Protein backbone atom coordinates (compact mmCIF):
# COMPACT_ATOMS: atom_id res chain seq x y z
CA MET A 1 17.26 13.62 -3.32
CA LYS A 2 16.51 10.09 -4.43
CA VAL A 3 13.35 8.68 -2.85
CA PRO A 4 14.25 5.74 -0.55
CA GLU A 5 12.89 2.32 -1.38
CA LEU A 6 12.34 1.65 2.32
CA SER A 7 11.94 3.85 5.37
CA VAL A 8 12.45 2.10 8.71
CA VAL A 9 11.08 3.74 11.85
CA ILE A 10 12.54 2.65 15.19
CA PRO A 11 10.95 4.01 18.38
CA PHE A 12 13.28 4.18 21.39
CA TYR A 13 12.10 4.74 24.94
CA ASN A 14 15.03 4.90 27.39
CA GLU A 15 17.17 2.61 25.23
CA GLU A 16 20.53 4.36 25.65
CA LYS A 17 22.34 1.01 25.71
CA THR A 18 20.83 -0.37 22.50
CA ILE A 19 20.23 2.60 20.19
CA GLU A 20 23.81 2.97 18.94
CA PRO A 21 24.73 -0.71 18.44
CA LEU A 22 21.35 -1.40 16.82
CA THR A 23 21.65 1.57 14.46
CA ASN A 24 25.24 0.73 13.54
CA THR A 25 24.29 -2.88 12.82
CA LEU A 26 21.32 -1.86 10.68
CA ILE A 27 23.43 0.55 8.64
CA ASN A 28 26.06 -2.13 8.09
CA LYS A 29 23.43 -4.65 6.96
CA PHE A 30 21.60 -2.20 4.69
CA ASN A 31 24.81 -0.95 3.06
CA LYS A 32 25.57 -4.53 2.03
CA SER A 33 22.04 -5.11 0.69
CA ASN A 34 21.94 -2.56 -2.16
CA ILE A 35 18.61 -1.29 -0.82
CA ASN A 36 18.12 2.47 -0.91
CA TYR A 37 16.93 3.17 2.63
CA GLU A 38 16.47 5.68 5.41
CA LEU A 39 16.40 5.05 9.16
CA ILE A 40 14.18 7.21 11.34
CA LEU A 41 15.14 7.09 15.01
CA VAL A 42 12.27 8.19 17.22
CA ASP A 43 13.17 9.34 20.71
CA ASN A 44 9.80 8.49 22.22
CA GLY A 45 9.93 10.77 25.27
CA SER A 46 13.07 9.25 26.78
CA SER A 47 14.51 10.55 30.04
CA ASP A 48 18.00 9.02 29.66
CA ASN A 49 20.71 9.71 27.07
CA THR A 50 18.71 8.28 24.16
CA PRO A 51 17.89 11.74 22.63
CA LYS A 52 21.54 12.84 22.60
CA ILE A 53 22.76 9.57 21.10
CA ALA A 54 20.04 9.71 18.43
CA ASP A 55 21.10 13.22 17.42
CA ASN A 56 24.75 12.18 17.22
CA LEU A 57 23.85 9.25 14.97
CA SER A 58 21.82 11.44 12.61
CA LYS A 59 24.80 13.79 12.31
CA LYS A 60 27.15 10.90 11.65
CA TYR A 61 25.10 9.08 9.01
CA LYS A 62 23.42 10.69 5.99
CA ASP A 63 20.68 8.04 5.85
CA VAL A 64 19.61 8.57 9.47
CA LYS A 65 17.19 11.17 10.77
CA THR A 66 15.87 11.77 14.27
CA VAL A 67 12.41 12.63 15.57
CA HIS A 68 11.93 13.78 19.16
CA VAL A 69 8.66 13.19 21.01
CA LYS A 70 8.79 15.41 24.09
CA ILE A 71 6.30 13.42 26.18
CA ASN A 72 5.76 9.70 25.68
CA GLN A 73 2.24 9.19 24.37
CA GLY A 74 2.56 5.52 23.54
CA TYR A 75 4.30 3.07 21.23
CA GLY A 76 1.99 3.73 18.30
CA PHE A 77 2.34 7.49 18.62
CA GLY A 78 6.10 7.13 18.30
CA ILE A 79 5.79 5.01 15.18
CA LEU A 80 3.28 7.36 13.55
CA SER A 81 5.53 10.32 14.38
CA GLY A 82 8.28 8.61 12.40
CA PHE A 83 5.95 7.71 9.52
CA LYS A 84 5.04 11.39 9.11
CA VAL A 85 8.60 12.33 8.13
CA SER A 86 9.28 9.23 6.01
CA TYR A 87 9.64 9.24 2.22
CA GLY A 88 10.08 5.57 1.33
CA GLU A 89 8.03 3.70 -1.25
CA TYR A 90 7.61 1.19 1.57
CA ILE A 91 7.59 2.10 5.24
CA GLY A 92 8.29 -0.22 8.12
CA TYR A 93 9.08 -0.32 11.79
CA MET A 94 10.81 -2.47 14.35
CA ASP A 95 11.46 -2.32 18.08
CA GLY A 96 14.52 -0.60 19.48
CA ASP A 97 15.33 -3.19 22.15
CA PHE A 98 17.60 -5.31 19.91
CA GLU A 99 15.56 -8.48 20.57
CA ILE A 100 15.03 -9.03 16.84
CA ASP A 101 17.96 -9.67 14.49
CA PRO A 102 18.36 -6.40 12.54
CA GLU A 103 18.74 -8.32 9.29
CA SER A 104 15.18 -9.58 9.73
CA ILE A 105 13.66 -6.39 8.34
CA ILE A 106 15.81 -6.72 5.21
CA LYS A 107 14.64 -10.31 4.74
CA LEU A 108 11.05 -9.20 5.26
CA TYR A 109 11.40 -6.39 2.72
CA LYS A 110 12.85 -8.74 0.12
CA LYS A 111 9.95 -11.14 0.65
CA VAL A 112 7.42 -8.32 0.29
CA ARG A 113 9.00 -7.34 -3.03
CA LYS A 114 9.37 -10.92 -4.23
CA TYR A 115 5.67 -11.67 -3.75
CA ASN A 116 4.48 -8.15 -4.63
CA ALA A 117 2.79 -7.95 -1.22
CA ASP A 118 1.19 -4.92 0.38
CA ILE A 119 2.06 -5.79 3.98
CA GLY A 120 4.93 -7.74 5.49
CA LYS A 121 4.84 -9.11 9.03
CA GLY A 122 7.49 -10.78 11.15
CA ILE A 123 6.90 -13.94 13.17
CA ARG A 124 9.34 -14.68 16.00
CA ASP A 125 11.16 -17.99 15.74
CA LYS A 126 11.13 -18.41 19.54
CA LYS A 127 8.60 -17.80 22.27
CA GLU A 128 8.75 -14.60 24.28
CA ALA A 129 11.27 -14.84 27.12
CA ASN A 130 9.24 -12.42 29.23
CA ILE A 131 6.28 -14.43 30.57
CA PHE A 132 4.07 -11.35 30.83
CA LYS A 133 4.73 -10.37 27.21
CA ALA A 134 4.06 -13.98 26.19
CA LEU A 135 0.71 -13.98 28.01
CA ALA A 136 -0.22 -10.64 26.49
CA SER A 137 0.67 -11.93 23.02
CA PHE A 138 -1.51 -15.02 23.55
CA GLY A 139 -4.36 -12.81 24.71
CA TYR A 140 -4.04 -10.59 21.63
CA ASP A 141 -4.14 -13.56 19.23
CA PHE A 142 -7.06 -15.18 21.05
CA LEU A 143 -9.20 -12.03 21.06
CA PHE A 144 -8.35 -11.37 17.43
CA PHE A 145 -9.52 -14.87 16.46
CA ILE A 146 -12.75 -14.61 18.48
CA LEU A 147 -13.76 -11.30 16.92
CA PHE A 148 -12.47 -11.64 13.35
CA PHE A 149 -12.71 -15.44 12.91
CA LYS A 150 -9.19 -15.51 11.54
CA PHE A 151 -6.08 -16.82 13.24
CA ILE A 152 -3.16 -14.44 12.83
CA LYS A 153 -0.06 -15.81 14.51
CA GLN A 154 1.65 -13.19 16.68
CA VAL A 155 -0.54 -10.36 15.45
CA ASN A 156 1.48 -7.97 17.62
CA ALA A 157 4.89 -9.09 16.33
CA ASN A 158 7.20 -6.95 14.24
CA PRO A 159 8.96 -5.85 12.12
CA LYS A 160 6.14 -4.79 9.84
CA ILE A 161 6.35 -3.21 6.39
CA ILE A 162 3.58 -1.38 4.51
CA ARG A 163 3.40 -0.28 0.90
CA ARG A 164 3.16 3.52 0.84
CA TYR A 165 -0.02 3.50 -1.26
CA CYS A 166 -1.74 1.23 1.28
CA TYR A 167 -0.49 3.25 4.25
CA ASN A 168 -1.98 6.41 2.74
CA LYS A 169 -5.40 4.74 2.65
CA MET A 170 -5.23 3.14 6.11
CA ASN A 171 -5.56 6.28 8.24
CA LEU A 172 -3.73 4.69 11.16
CA ASN A 173 -4.43 6.39 14.48
CA SER A 174 -3.56 4.02 17.35
CA LYS A 175 -1.24 5.67 19.85
CA ASP A 176 -0.49 2.51 21.82
CA TRP A 177 0.46 -1.12 21.16
CA PHE A 178 -2.79 -1.65 19.26
CA ILE A 179 -1.17 -0.20 16.15
CA ASP A 180 0.13 -3.69 15.32
CA SER A 181 -3.40 -5.08 15.22
CA GLU A 182 -4.85 -1.99 13.54
CA ILE A 183 -2.52 -2.52 10.59
CA ILE A 184 -3.57 -6.16 10.19
CA ILE A 185 -7.28 -5.41 10.65
CA LYS A 186 -7.25 -2.68 8.00
CA ALA A 187 -5.15 -4.86 5.71
CA LEU A 188 -7.78 -7.62 5.94
CA LYS A 189 -10.67 -5.23 5.39
CA ASN A 190 -9.00 -3.79 2.29
CA ASN A 191 -7.98 -7.22 0.98
CA TYR A 192 -4.31 -6.28 1.02
CA LYS A 193 -1.84 -9.06 0.40
CA VAL A 194 0.05 -9.98 3.58
CA VAL A 195 3.19 -12.11 3.75
CA ASN A 196 4.96 -13.44 6.84
CA GLN A 197 8.67 -13.81 7.46
CA THR A 198 10.23 -15.75 10.32
CA VAL A 199 12.56 -13.48 12.28
CA SER A 200 15.34 -14.39 14.69
CA TYR A 201 14.42 -13.47 18.24
CA LYS A 202 16.66 -13.33 21.29
CA PRO A 203 15.92 -12.01 24.81
CA ARG A 204 17.17 -8.50 25.42
CA GLU A 205 20.70 -8.24 26.79
CA SER A 206 20.40 -4.79 28.33
CA GLY A 207 17.71 -2.53 29.72
CA GLU A 208 14.41 -3.71 31.13
CA SER A 209 11.17 -4.79 29.53
CA HIS A 210 8.50 -2.10 29.78
CA LEU A 211 5.79 -4.71 30.50
CA LYS A 212 5.57 -5.95 34.10
CA PHE A 213 3.08 -8.16 35.99
CA PHE A 214 0.89 -5.31 37.18
CA ASP A 215 0.66 -4.00 33.61
CA LEU A 216 -0.60 -7.28 32.16
CA PHE A 217 -4.32 -7.11 32.92
CA PRO A 218 -4.74 -3.39 32.14
CA VAL A 219 -2.90 -3.95 28.85
CA ILE A 220 -5.10 -6.87 27.81
CA PHE A 221 -8.27 -5.06 28.94
CA LYS A 222 -7.27 -2.00 26.91
CA TYR A 223 -6.59 -4.25 23.92
CA PHE A 224 -10.05 -5.80 24.38
CA LYS A 225 -11.68 -2.36 24.26
CA ASN A 226 -9.66 -1.38 21.21
CA ILE A 227 -10.41 -4.55 19.27
CA ILE A 228 -14.14 -4.33 20.03
CA LYS A 229 -14.11 -0.80 18.65
CA ALA A 230 -12.15 -1.96 15.61
CA ARG A 231 -14.52 -4.86 14.96
CA PHE A 232 -17.61 -2.70 14.72
CA PHE A 233 -16.43 0.78 13.74
CA TYR A 234 -13.43 0.43 11.40
């Protein structure tokens, strides 16, 4: 089997309305790009029809595989579960909510290759439609700047792409949303080359955001604890 150039991990948590159209669109875009790829659909402990749809897609397409996480242990855990079964020279991930134009990860990959970068990071072209996610994103960037003296715009944004060699040295272990920041922190500490790519963002058309008002302060507080730990112990 030919080793893929790029493995793309997509975690889905109760995304029965988006998993099939997103996967079909990605396959269509990749097949036109001449990039040798694999898609890894992670059912991240879903309780709806997401697992069944994921299995059907992996049977239908040769470049699609499915990973099932029985109990949701967090966003990062889902991504890392997908990374473990990936084979690509570069590995990346994107959300499964269809808020980001699927072609964005192809554009990001091409930019990574063009500039021989180690890490590629998306930057949304519009502000978050969900006010709570927007506030959380601002809080992440602010805390990151205070502790690392470096402004990283939308540190929690994706898609992200990592060169396999760099990933093997990173020892990523965040099970929650902090995985986005962990990647950037370890990239900075290892002097990895990071490039940004503007990605097209649109509010989700189906399903519900998993971040609500009562989640906001616990999420930011947890991020604060994680980033303090990262600042002094990574």
